Amino acid sequence: LAMHHHLIGVPDTGTDRVTVIDSGDVLRSALASKIDLVICGHKHRPWFWNFGNLSIANAGTASSERVRGLFENTYNIITIDKGKIRVDLKIVGGKRIPLQDLVENYKRFGEE
């Protein structure tokens, strides 16, 4: 399922005015419909959520100068192999990491 706006608010991005209206209902419908992956973005901040069989991958931005926090320009690479979905974060001109690793190792600015 591809969405322009977010299904879930993105951490550390300030006031949320871009999460879809009735997002809880949309999430429930996505789970009931056995959707495997929701891709979305709008806040230029990569993030990832996993709800068992449903993953939500939020994209950063590949070209805008309006990045959030310490993030660089990035894009997501989605690989489907033998029924498994993997979403990687690719830093423009840099490394590629599993998007889930970003979330698991995330520290807010100033946290060491």
PDB file of N, CA and C in Angstrom:
ATOM      1  N   LEU A   1       0.856  -1.169   0.000  1.00  0.00           N
ATOM      2  CA  LEU A   1       0.000   0.000   0.000  1.00  0.00           C
ATOM      3  C   LEU A   1       0.902   1.231   0.000  1.00  0.00           C
ATOM      4  N   ALA A   2       0.741   2.103  -0.973  1.00  0.00           N
ATOM      5  CA  ALA A   2       1.549   3.327  -1.055  1.00  0.00           C
ATOM      6  C   ALA A   2       0.701   4.516  -0.630  1.00  0.00           C
ATOM      7  N   MET A   3       1.251   5.326   0.258  1.00  0.00           N
ATOM      8  CA  MET A   3       0.554   6.507   0.768  1.00  0.00           C
ATOM      9  C   MET A   3       1.494   7.701   0.708  1.00  0.00           C
ATOM     10  N   HIS A   4       0.965   8.858   0.423  1.00  0.00           N
ATOM     11  CA  HIS A   4       1.788  10.064   0.441  1.00  0.00           C
ATOM     12  C   HIS A   4       2.008  10.523   1.880  1.00  0.00           C
ATOM     13  N   HIS A   5       0.954  10.587   2.654  1.00  0.00           N
ATOM     14  CA  HIS A   5       1.056  11.005   4.053  1.00  0.00           C
ATOM     15  C   HIS A   5       1.297   9.795   4.947  1.00  0.00           C
ATOM     16  N   HIS A   6       1.653  10.061   6.191  1.00  0.00           N
ATOM     17  CA  HIS A   6       2.022   9.015   7.138  1.00  0.00           C
ATOM     18  C   HIS A   6       0.805   8.303   7.703  1.00  0.00           C
ATOM     19  N   LEU A   7       0.987   7.016   7.946  1.00  0.00           N
ATOM     20  CA  LEU A   7      -0.031   6.244   8.637  1.00  0.00           C
ATOM     21  C   LEU A   7       0.153   6.374  10.144  1.00  0.00           C
ATOM     22  N   ILE A   8       1.383   6.582  10.567  1.00  0.00           N
ATOM     23  CA  ILE A   8       1.733   6.740  11.982  1.00  0.00           C
ATOM     24  C   ILE A   8       2.678   7.929  12.082  1.00  0.00           C
ATOM     25  N   GLY A   9       2.543   8.723  13.142  1.00  0.00           N
ATOM     26  CA  GLY A   9       3.435   9.859  13.335  1.00  0.00           C
ATOM     27  C   GLY A   9       4.893   9.424  13.404  1.00  0.00           C
ATOM     28  N   VAL A  10       5.780  10.258  12.907  1.00  0.00           N
ATOM     29  CA  VAL A  10       7.208   9.953  12.856  1.00  0.00           C
ATOM     30  C   VAL A  10       7.899  10.603  14.057  1.00  0.00           C
ATOM     31  N   PRO A  11       8.689   9.840  14.833  1.00  0.00           N
ATOM     32  CA  PRO A  11       9.342  10.397  16.017  1.00  0.00           C
ATOM     33  C   PRO A  11      10.241  11.598  15.705  1.00  0.00           C
ATOM     34  N   ASP A  12      10.267  12.538  16.628  1.00  0.00           N
ATOM     35  CA  ASP A  12      11.180  13.685  16.593  1.00  0.00           C
ATOM     36  C   ASP A  12      11.013  14.570  15.364  1.00  0.00           C
ATOM     37  N   THR A  13       9.773  14.720  14.895  1.00  0.00           N
ATOM     38  CA  THR A  13       9.530  15.586  13.738  1.00  0.00           C
ATOM     39  C   THR A  13       8.586  16.734  14.071  1.00  0.00           C
ATOM     40  N   GLY A  14       8.345  16.955  15.335  1.00  0.00           N
ATOM     41  CA  GLY A  14       7.520  18.091  15.721  1.00  0.00           C
ATOM     42  C   GLY A  14       6.035  17.828  15.581  1.00  0.00           C
ATOM     43  N   THR A  15       5.278  18.910  15.543  1.00  0.00           N
ATOM     44  CA  THR A  15       3.830  18.826  15.444  1.00  0.00           C
ATOM     45  C   THR A  15       3.436  18.030  14.213  1.00  0.00           C
ATOM     46  N   ASP A  16       2.495  17.124  14.397  1.00  0.00           N
ATOM     47  CA  ASP A  16       2.091  16.234  13.305  1.00  0.00           C
ATOM     48  C   ASP A  16       0.789  16.709  12.680  1.00  0.00           C
ATOM     49  N   ARG A  17       0.891  17.209  11.468  1.00  0.00           N
ATOM     50  CA  ARG A  17      -0.295  17.629  10.726  1.00  0.00           C
ATOM     51  C   ARG A  17      -0.469  16.823   9.452  1.00  0.00           C
ATOM     52  N   VAL A  18       0.357  15.810   9.261  1.00  0.00           N
ATOM     53  CA  VAL A  18       0.314  15.081   7.997  1.00  0.00           C
ATOM     54  C   VAL A  18      -0.027  13.596   8.137  1.00  0.00           C
ATOM     55  N   THR A  19      -0.314  13.132   9.351  1.00  0.00           N
ATOM     56  CA  THR A  19      -0.785  11.758   9.497  1.00  0.00           C
ATOM     57  C   THR A  19      -2.202  11.688   8.947  1.00  0.00           C
ATOM     58  N   VAL A  20      -2.505  10.605   8.236  1.00  0.00           N
ATOM     59  CA  VAL A  20      -3.822  10.494   7.604  1.00  0.00           C
ATOM     60  C   VAL A  20      -4.949  10.558   8.623  1.00  0.00           C
ATOM     61  N   ILE A  21      -6.043  11.165   8.207  1.00  0.00           N
ATOM     62  CA  ILE A  21      -7.245  11.203   9.036  1.00  0.00           C
ATOM     63  C   ILE A  21      -7.735   9.772   9.198  1.00  0.00           C
ATOM     64  N   ASP A  22      -8.219   9.444  10.386  1.00  0.00           N
ATOM     65  CA  ASP A  22      -8.697   8.090  10.689  1.00  0.00           C
ATOM     66  C   ASP A  22      -7.600   7.048  10.492  1.00  0.00           C
ATOM     67  N   SER A  23      -6.377   7.394  10.883  1.00  0.00           N
ATOM     68  CA  SER A  23      -5.244   6.495  10.670  1.00  0.00           C
ATOM     69  C   SER A  23      -5.426   5.156  11.388  1.00  0.00           C
ATOM     70  N   GLY A  24      -6.070   5.163  12.539  1.00  0.00           N
ATOM     71  CA  GLY A  24      -6.326   3.900  13.241  1.00  0.00           C
ATOM     72  C   GLY A  24      -7.203   2.969  12.427  1.00  0.00           C
ATOM     73  N   ASP A  25      -8.221   3.533  11.778  1.00  0.00           N
ATOM     74  CA  ASP A  25      -9.094   2.725  10.920  1.00  0.00           C
ATOM     75  C   ASP A  25      -8.337   2.199   9.708  1.00  0.00           C
ATOM     76  N   VAL A  26      -7.476   3.036   9.136  1.00  0.00           N
ATOM     77  CA  VAL A  26      -6.681   2.612   7.977  1.00  0.00           C
ATOM     78  C   VAL A  26      -5.728   1.492   8.388  1.00  0.00           C
ATOM     79  N   LEU A  27      -5.088   1.634   9.554  1.00  0.00           N
ATOM     80  CA  LEU A  27      -4.180   0.602  10.045  1.00  0.00           C
ATOM     81  C   LEU A  27      -4.935  -0.706  10.272  1.00  0.00           C
ATOM     82  N   ARG A  28      -6.096  -0.632  10.904  1.00  0.00           N
ATOM     83  CA  ARG A  28      -6.903  -1.835  11.135  1.00  0.00           C
ATOM     84  C   ARG A  28      -7.268  -2.502   9.803  1.00  0.00           C
ATOM     85  N   SER A  29      -7.667  -1.702   8.817  1.00  0.00           N
ATOM     86  CA  SER A  29      -8.027  -2.248   7.500  1.00  0.00           C
ATOM     87  C   SER A  29      -6.823  -2.880   6.809  1.00  0.00           C
ATOM     88  N   ALA A  30      -5.656  -2.255   6.935  1.00  0.00           N
ATOM     89  CA  ALA A  30      -4.441  -2.814   6.333  1.00  0.00           C
ATOM     90  C   ALA A  30      -4.101  -4.163   6.959  1.00  0.00           C
ATOM     91  N   LEU A  31      -4.215  -4.251   8.280  1.00  0.00           N
ATOM     92  CA  LEU A  31      -3.951  -5.517   8.962  1.00  0.00           C
ATOM     93  C   LEU A  31      -4.974  -6.578   8.564  1.00  0.00           C
ATOM     94  N   ALA A  32      -6.253  -6.201   8.530  1.00  0.00           N
ATOM     95  CA  ALA A  32      -7.318  -7.146   8.163  1.00  0.00           C
ATOM     96  C   ALA A  32      -7.186  -7.607   6.715  1.00  0.00           C
ATOM     97  N   SER A  33      -6.663  -6.749   5.860  1.00  0.00           N
ATOM     98  CA  SER A  33      -6.501  -7.082   4.437  1.00  0.00           C
ATOM     99  C   SER A  33      -5.207  -7.837   4.155  1.00  0.00           C
ATOM    100  N   LYS A  34      -4.442  -8.091   5.209  1.00  0.00           N
ATOM    101  CA  LYS A  34      -3.175  -8.828   5.104  1.00  0.00           C
ATOM    102  C   LYS A  34      -2.178  -8.144   4.176  1.00  0.00           C
ATOM    103  N   ILE A  35      -2.154  -6.823   4.247  1.00  0.00           N
ATOM    104  CA  ILE A  35      -1.154  -6.054   3.507  1.00  0.00           C
ATOM    105  C   ILE A  35       0.197  -6.288   4.172  1.00  0.00           C
ATOM    106  N   ASP A  36       1.216  -6.516   3.367  1.00  0.00           N
ATOM    107  CA  ASP A  36       2.551  -6.805   3.891  1.00  0.00           C
ATOM    108  C   ASP A  36       3.360  -5.550   4.184  1.00  0.00           C
ATOM    109  N   LEU A  37       3.202  -4.533   3.326  1.00  0.00           N
ATOM    110  CA  LEU A  37       4.062  -3.359   3.429  1.00  0.00           C
ATOM    111  C   LEU A  37       3.297  -2.092   3.073  1.00  0.00           C
ATOM    112  N   VAL A  38       3.435  -1.093   3.926  1.00  0.00           N
ATOM    113  CA  VAL A  38       2.940   0.255   3.635  1.00  0.00           C
ATOM    114  C   VAL A  38       4.173   1.122   3.430  1.00  0.00           C
ATOM    115  N   ILE A  39       4.226   1.826   2.301  1.00  0.00           N
ATOM    116  CA  ILE A  39       5.317   2.773   2.071  1.00  0.00           C
ATOM    117  C   ILE A  39       4.727   4.174   2.079  1.00  0.00           C
ATOM    118  N   CYS A  40       5.410   5.075   2.750  1.00  0.00           N
ATOM    119  CA  CYS A  40       4.894   6.437   2.877  1.00  0.00           C
ATOM    120  C   CYS A  40       6.050   7.389   3.138  1.00  0.00           C
ATOM    121  N   GLY A  41       5.729   8.637   3.199  1.00  0.00           N
ATOM    122  CA  GLY A  41       6.714   9.663   3.480  1.00  0.00           C
ATOM    123  C   GLY A  41       6.066  11.018   3.350  1.00  0.00           C
ATOM    124  N   HIS A  42       6.679  12.003   3.867  1.00  0.00           N
ATOM    125  CA  HIS A  42       6.244  13.387   3.716  1.00  0.00           C
ATOM    126  C   HIS A  42       7.114  14.289   4.586  1.00  0.00           C
ATOM    127  N   LYS A  43       7.571  13.761   5.696  1.00  0.00           N
ATOM    128  CA  LYS A  43       8.354  14.569   6.633  1.00  0.00           C
ATOM    129  C   LYS A  43       9.856  14.494   6.385  1.00  0.00           C
ATOM    130  N   HIS A  44      10.271  13.826   5.320  1.00  0.00           N
ATOM    131  CA  HIS A  44      11.694  13.721   4.961  1.00  0.00           C
ATOM    132  C   HIS A  44      12.504  13.049   6.063  1.00  0.00           C
ATOM    133  N   ARG A  45      11.903  12.061   6.699  1.00  0.00           N
ATOM    134  CA  ARG A  45      12.550  11.370   7.812  1.00  0.00           C
ATOM    135  C   ARG A  45      12.358   9.865   7.677  1.00  0.00           C
ATOM    136  N   PRO A  46      13.425   9.102   7.450  1.00  0.00           N
ATOM    137  CA  PRO A  46      13.257   7.656   7.355  1.00  0.00           C
ATOM    138  C   PRO A  46      12.892   7.050   8.710  1.00  0.00           C
ATOM    139  N   TRP A  47      12.008   6.075   8.684  1.00  0.00           N
ATOM    140  CA  TRP A  47      11.636   5.361   9.907  1.00  0.00           C
ATOM    141  C   TRP A  47      10.980   4.056   9.525  1.00  0.00           C
ATOM    142  N   PHE A  48      10.873   3.135  10.476  1.00  0.00           N
ATOM    143  CA  PHE A  48      10.341   1.806  10.189  1.00  0.00           C
ATOM    144  C   PHE A  48       9.572   1.282  11.391  1.00  0.00           C
ATOM    145  N   TRP A  49       8.421   0.701  11.116  1.00  0.00           N
ATOM    146  CA  TRP A  49       7.630   0.032  12.147  1.00  0.00           C
ATOM    147  C   TRP A  49       7.317  -1.370  11.660  1.00  0.00           C
ATOM    148  N   ASN A  50       7.212  -2.313  12.608  1.00  0.00           N
ATOM    149  CA  ASN A  50       6.833  -3.668  12.255  1.00  0.00           C
ATOM    150  C   ASN A  50       5.709  -4.112  13.177  1.00  0.00           C
ATOM    151  N   PHE A  51       4.613  -4.544  12.577  1.00  0.00           N
ATOM    152  CA  PHE A  51       3.451  -5.040  13.311  1.00  0.00           C
ATOM    153  C   PHE A  51       3.225  -6.504  12.947  1.00  0.00           C
ATOM    154  N   GLY A  52       4.222  -7.335  13.165  1.00  0.00           N
ATOM    155  CA  GLY A  52       4.091  -8.745  12.804  1.00  0.00           C
ATOM    156  C   GLY A  52       4.192  -8.925  11.302  1.00  0.00           C
ATOM    157  N   ASN A  53       3.063  -9.184  10.653  1.00  0.00           N
ATOM    158  CA  ASN A  53       3.067  -9.399   9.202  1.00  0.00           C
ATOM    159  C   ASN A  53       2.994  -8.104   8.404  1.00  0.00           C
ATOM    160  N   LEU A  54       2.775  -6.986   9.055  1.00  0.00           N
ATOM    161  CA  LEU A  54       2.683  -5.687   8.376  1.00  0.00           C
ATOM    162  C   LEU A  54       3.868  -4.811   8.772  1.00  0.00           C
ATOM    163  N   SER A  55       4.591  -4.330   7.781  1.00  0.00           N
ATOM    164  CA  SER A  55       5.675  -3.378   8.017  1.00  0.00           C
ATOM    165  C   SER A  55       5.293  -2.037   7.408  1.00  0.00           C
ATOM    166  N   ILE A  56       5.738  -0.972   8.048  1.00  0.00           N
ATOM    167  CA  ILE A  56       5.514   0.379   7.532  1.00  0.00           C
ATOM    168  C   ILE A  56       6.883   1.027   7.372  1.00  0.00           C
ATOM    169  N   ALA A  57       7.204   1.407   6.139  1.00  0.00           N
ATOM    170  CA  ALA A  57       8.499   2.010   5.830  1.00  0.00           C
ATOM    171  C   ALA A  57       8.287   3.451   5.393  1.00  0.00           C
ATOM    172  N   ASN A  58       8.814   4.351   6.184  1.00  0.00           N
ATOM    173  CA  ASN A  58       8.731   5.766   5.862  1.00  0.00           C
ATOM    174  C   ASN A  58      10.034   6.173   5.180  1.00  0.00           C
ATOM    175  N   ALA A  59       9.914   6.878   4.083  1.00  0.00           N
ATOM    176  CA  ALA A  59      11.095   7.290   3.321  1.00  0.00           C
ATOM    177  C   ALA A  59      11.617   8.641   3.797  1.00  0.00           C
ATOM    178  N   GLY A  60      12.900   8.848   3.610  1.00  0.00           N
ATOM    179  CA  GLY A  60      13.500  10.162   3.822  1.00  0.00           C
ATOM    180  C   GLY A  60      13.304  10.985   2.561  1.00  0.00           C
ATOM    181  N   THR A  61      14.345  11.674   2.131  1.00  0.00           N
ATOM    182  CA  THR A  61      14.297  12.418   0.873  1.00  0.00           C
ATOM    183  C   THR A  61      15.634  12.271   0.167  1.00  0.00           C
ATOM    184  N   ALA A  62      15.577  12.015  -1.118  1.00  0.00           N
ATOM    185  CA  ALA A  62      16.804  11.810  -1.886  1.00  0.00           C
ATOM    186  C   ALA A  62      17.417  13.108  -2.385  1.00  0.00           C
ATOM    187  N   SER A  63      16.626  14.179  -2.469  1.00  0.00           N
ATOM    188  CA  SER A  63      17.151  15.377  -3.123  1.00  0.00           C
ATOM    189  C   SER A  63      16.885  16.693  -2.402  1.00  0.00           C
ATOM    190  N   SER A  64      15.993  16.711  -1.453  1.00  0.00           N
ATOM    191  CA  SER A  64      15.640  17.971  -0.799  1.00  0.00           C
ATOM    192  C   SER A  64      16.706  18.390   0.211  1.00  0.00           C
ATOM    193  N   GLU A  65      16.835  19.673   0.409  1.00  0.00           N
ATOM    194  CA  GLU A  65      17.715  20.183   1.462  1.00  0.00           C
ATOM    195  C   GLU A  65      16.977  20.264   2.794  1.00  0.00           C
ATOM    196  N   ARG A  66      15.698  19.924   2.799  1.00  0.00           N
ATOM    197  CA  ARG A  66      14.884  19.985   4.011  1.00  0.00           C
ATOM    198  C   ARG A  66      14.904  18.640   4.733  1.00  0.00           C
ATOM    199  N   VAL A  67      16.076  18.213   5.167  1.00  0.00           N
ATOM    200  CA  VAL A  67      16.194  16.965   5.914  1.00  0.00           C
ATOM    201  C   VAL A  67      15.949  17.259   7.386  1.00  0.00           C
ATOM    202  N   ARG A  68      15.636  16.223   8.153  1.00  0.00           N
ATOM    203  CA  ARG A  68      15.310  16.384   9.569  1.00  0.00           C
ATOM    204  C   ARG A  68      16.466  15.910  10.442  1.00  0.00           C
ATOM    205  N   GLY A  69      16.850  16.722  11.403  1.00  0.00           N
ATOM    206  CA  GLY A  69      17.865  16.329  12.363  1.00  0.00           C
ATOM    207  C   GLY A  69      19.209  16.070  11.715  1.00  0.00           C
ATOM    208  N   LEU A  70      19.821  14.984  12.108  1.00  0.00           N
ATOM    209  CA  LEU A  70      21.155  14.634  11.613  1.00  0.00           C
ATOM    210  C   LEU A  70      21.105  13.783  10.355  1.00  0.00           C
ATOM    211  N   PHE A  71      19.925  13.581   9.793  1.00  0.00           N
ATOM    212  CA  PHE A  71      19.793  12.714   8.628  1.00  0.00           C
ATOM    213  C   PHE A  71      20.308  13.382   7.367  1.00  0.00           C
ATOM    214  N   GLU A  72      20.854  12.560   6.496  1.00  0.00           N
ATOM    215  CA  GLU A  72      21.330  13.006   5.192  1.00  0.00           C
ATOM    216  C   GLU A  72      20.264  12.671   4.153  1.00  0.00           C
ATOM    217  N   ASN A  73      20.546  12.981   2.893  1.00  0.00           N
ATOM    218  CA  ASN A  73      19.637  12.576   1.827  1.00  0.00           C
ATOM    219  C   ASN A  73      19.681  11.055   1.695  1.00  0.00           C
ATOM    220  N   THR A  74      18.503  10.455   1.686  1.00  0.00           N
ATOM    221  CA  THR A  74      18.390   9.000   1.640  1.00  0.00           C
ATOM    222  C   THR A  74      17.213   8.587   0.770  1.00  0.00           C
ATOM    223  N   TYR A  75      17.208   7.315   0.428  1.00  0.00           N
ATOM    224  CA  TYR A  75      16.042   6.698  -0.200  1.00  0.00           C
ATOM    225  C   TYR A  75      15.986   5.249   0.262  1.00  0.00           C
ATOM    226  N   ASN A  76      14.826   4.621   0.087  1.00  0.00           N
ATOM    227  CA  ASN A  76      14.644   3.237   0.499  1.00  0.00           C
ATOM    228  C   ASN A  76      14.785   2.308  -0.700  1.00  0.00           C
ATOM    229  N   ILE A  77      15.377   1.154  -0.454  1.00  0.00           N
ATOM    230  CA  ILE A  77      15.460   0.089  -1.447  1.00  0.00           C
ATOM    231  C   ILE A  77      14.647  -1.084  -0.905  1.00  0.00           C
ATOM    232  N   ILE A  78      13.640  -1.498  -1.651  1.00  0.00           N
ATOM    233  CA  ILE A  78      12.761  -2.590  -1.232  1.00  0.00           C
ATOM    234  C   ILE A  78      13.124  -3.831  -2.039  1.00  0.00           C
ATOM    235  N   THR A  79      13.412  -4.920  -1.327  1.00  0.00           N
ATOM    236  CA  THR A  79      13.747  -6.186  -1.964  1.00  0.00           C
ATOM    237  C   THR A  79      12.740  -7.238  -1.507  1.00  0.00           C
ATOM    238  N   ILE A  80      12.181  -7.954  -2.458  1.00  0.00           N
ATOM    239  CA  ILE A  80      11.273  -9.058  -2.138  1.00  0.00           C
ATOM    240  C   ILE A  80      11.916 -10.327  -2.668  1.00  0.00           C
ATOM    241  N   ASP A  81      12.188 -11.270  -1.767  1.00  0.00           N
ATOM    242  CA  ASP A  81      12.847 -12.511  -2.150  1.00  0.00           C
ATOM    243  C   ASP A  81      12.189 -13.668  -1.414  1.00  0.00           C
ATOM    244  N   LYS A  82      11.637 -14.595  -2.165  1.00  0.00           N
ATOM    245  CA  LYS A  82      10.984 -15.781  -1.595  1.00  0.00           C
ATOM    246  C   LYS A  82       9.924 -15.393  -0.572  1.00  0.00           C
ATOM    247  N   GLY A  83       9.154 -14.364  -0.881  1.00  0.00           N
ATOM    248  CA  GLY A  83       8.062 -13.943  -0.008  1.00  0.00           C
ATOM    249  C   GLY A  83       8.475 -13.080   1.167  1.00  0.00           C
ATOM    250  N   LYS A  84       9.754 -12.828   1.335  1.00  0.00           N
ATOM    251  CA  LYS A  84      10.242 -11.975   2.424  1.00  0.00           C
ATOM    252  C   LYS A  84      10.518 -10.581   1.890  1.00  0.00           C
ATOM    253  N   ILE A  85      10.098  -9.591   2.659  1.00  0.00           N
ATOM    254  CA  ILE A  85      10.313  -8.192   2.277  1.00  0.00           C
ATOM    255  C   ILE A  85      11.427  -7.617   3.140  1.00  0.00           C
ATOM    256  N   ARG A  86      12.356  -6.960   2.486  1.00  0.00           N
ATOM    257  CA  ARG A  86      13.442  -6.272   3.196  1.00  0.00           C
ATOM    258  C   ARG A  86      13.468  -4.836   2.690  1.00  0.00           C
ATOM    259  N   VAL A  87      13.565  -3.898   3.631  1.00  0.00           N
ATOM    260  CA  VAL A  87      13.661  -2.485   3.272  1.00  0.00           C
ATOM    261  C   VAL A  87      14.992  -1.966   3.797  1.00  0.00           C
ATOM    262  N   ASP A  88      15.815  -1.472   2.886  1.00  0.00           N
ATOM    263  CA  ASP A  88      17.109  -0.900   3.250  1.00  0.00           C
ATOM    264  C   ASP A  88      17.079   0.606   3.054  1.00  0.00           C
ATOM    265  N   LEU A  89      17.847   1.286   3.870  1.00  0.00           N
ATOM    266  CA  LEU A  89      18.045   2.725   3.756  1.00  0.00           C
ATOM    267  C   LEU A  89      19.361   2.946   3.017  1.00  0.00           C
ATOM    268  N   LYS A  90      19.318   3.703   1.950  1.00  0.00           N
ATOM    269  CA  LYS A  90      20.532   4.027   1.187  1.00  0.00           C
ATOM    270  C   LYS A  90      20.816   5.508   1.334  1.00  0.00           C
ATOM    271  N   ILE A  91      21.966   5.832   1.889  1.00  0.00           N
ATOM    272  CA  ILE A  91      22.402   7.220   1.977  1.00  0.00           C
ATOM    273  C   ILE A  91      22.961   7.599   0.615  1.00  0.00           C
ATOM    274  N   VAL A  92      22.494   8.698   0.060  1.00  0.00           N
ATOM    275  CA  VAL A  92      22.950   9.130  -1.259  1.00  0.00           C
ATOM    276  C   VAL A  92      24.467   9.310  -1.210  1.00  0.00           C
ATOM    277  N   GLY A  93      25.183   8.560  -2.046  1.00  0.00           N
ATOM    278  CA  GLY A  93      26.639   8.618  -2.077  1.00  0.00           C
ATOM    279  C   GLY A  93      27.302   7.907  -0.917  1.00  0.00           C
ATOM    280  N   GLY A  94      26.542   7.142  -0.148  1.00  0.00           N
ATOM    281  CA  GLY A  94      27.096   6.497   1.035  1.00  0.00           C
ATOM    282  C   GLY A  94      26.632   5.065   1.202  1.00  0.00           C
ATOM    283  N   LYS A  95      26.591   4.632   2.451  1.00  0.00           N
ATOM    284  CA  LYS A  95      26.324   3.229   2.735  1.00  0.00           C
ATOM    285  C   LYS A  95      24.840   2.876   2.661  1.00  0.00           C
ATOM    286  N   ARG A  96      24.607   1.579   2.704  1.00  0.00           N
ATOM    287  CA  ARG A  96      23.265   1.001   2.682  1.00  0.00           C
ATOM    288  C   ARG A  96      23.117   0.144   3.933  1.00  0.00           C
ATOM    289  N   ILE A  97      22.042   0.365   4.692  1.00  0.00           N
ATOM    290  CA  ILE A  97      21.798  -0.411   5.907  1.00  0.00           C
ATOM    291  C   ILE A  97      20.333  -0.829   5.953  1.00  0.00           C
ATOM    292  N   PRO A  98      20.024  -1.924   6.666  1.00  0.00           N
ATOM    293  CA  PRO A  98      18.617  -2.253   6.861  1.00  0.00           C
ATOM    294  C   PRO A  98      17.919  -1.104   7.599  1.00  0.00           C
ATOM    295  N   LEU A  99      16.762  -0.696   7.117  1.00  0.00           N
ATOM    296  CA  LEU A  99      16.041   0.418   7.738  1.00  0.00           C
ATOM    297  C   LEU A  99      15.730   0.112   9.197  1.00  0.00           C
ATOM    298  N   GLN A 100      15.467  -1.146   9.511  1.00  0.00           N
ATOM    299  CA  GLN A 100      15.197  -1.549  10.893  1.00  0.00           C
ATOM    300  C   GLN A 100      16.387  -1.226  11.798  1.00  0.00           C
ATOM    301  N   ASP A 101      17.616  -1.354  11.293  1.00  0.00           N
ATOM    302  CA  ASP A 101      18.806  -1.045  12.094  1.00  0.00           C
ATOM    303  C   ASP A 101      18.835   0.422  12.509  1.00  0.00           C
ATOM    304  N   LEU A 102      18.373   1.297  11.641  1.00  0.00           N
ATOM    305  CA  LEU A 102      18.310   2.718  11.975  1.00  0.00           C
ATOM    306  C   LEU A 102      17.445   2.930  13.211  1.00  0.00           C
ATOM    307  N   VAL A 103      16.306   2.274  13.236  1.00  0.00           N
ATOM    308  CA  VAL A 103      15.368   2.424  14.353  1.00  0.00           C
ATOM    309  C   VAL A 103      15.948   1.820  15.625  1.00  0.00           C
ATOM    310  N   GLU A 104      16.515   0.629  15.516  1.00  0.00           N
ATOM    311  CA  GLU A 104      17.045  -0.054  16.695  1.00  0.00           C
ATOM    312  C   GLU A 104      18.237   0.668  17.307  1.00  0.00           C
ATOM    313  N   ASN A 105      19.007   1.380  16.509  1.00  0.00           N
ATOM    314  CA  ASN A 105      20.215   2.053  16.996  1.00  0.00           C
ATOM    315  C   ASN A 105      20.077   3.564  17.068  1.00  0.00           C
ATOM    316  N   TYR A 106      18.851   4.047  16.970  1.00  0.00           N
ATOM    317  CA  TYR A 106      18.603   5.490  16.915  1.00  0.00           C
ATOM    318  C   TYR A 106      18.856   6.150  18.261  1.00  0.00           C
ATOM    319  N   LYS A 107      19.520   7.283  18.210  1.00  0.00           N
ATOM    320  CA  LYS A 107      19.696   8.137  19.386  1.00  0.00           C
ATOM    321  C   LYS A 107      19.295   9.542  18.983  1.00  0.00           C
ATOM    322  N   ARG A 108      18.540  10.184  19.829  1.00  0.00           N
ATOM    323  CA  ARG A 108      18.160  11.568  19.558  1.00  0.00           C
ATOM    324  C   ARG A 108      19.394  12.452  19.629  1.00  0.00           C
ATOM    325  N   PHE A 109      19.332  13.589  18.965  1.00  0.00           N
ATOM    326  CA  PHE A 109      20.439  14.534  18.983  1.00  0.00           C
ATOM    327  C   PHE A 109      20.798  14.864  20.430  1.00  0.00           C
ATOM    328  N   GLY A 110      22.068  14.758  20.764  1.00  0.00           N
ATOM    329  CA  GLY A 110      22.532  15.062  22.108  1.00  0.00           C
ATOM    330  C   GLY A 110      22.634  13.847  23.010  1.00  0.00           C
ATOM    331  N   GLU A 111      22.002  12.733  22.644  1.00  0.00           N
ATOM    332  CA  GLU A 111      22.114  11.514  23.432  1.00  0.00           C
ATOM    333  C   GLU A 111      23.372  10.779  22.996  1.00  0.00           C
ATOM    334  N   GLU A 112      24.135  10.336  23.920  1.00  0.00           N
ATOM    335  CA  GLU A 112      25.376   9.611  23.581  1.00  0.00           C
ATOM    336  C   GLU A 112      25.346   8.269  24.244  1.00  0.00           C
TER     337      GLU A 112
END
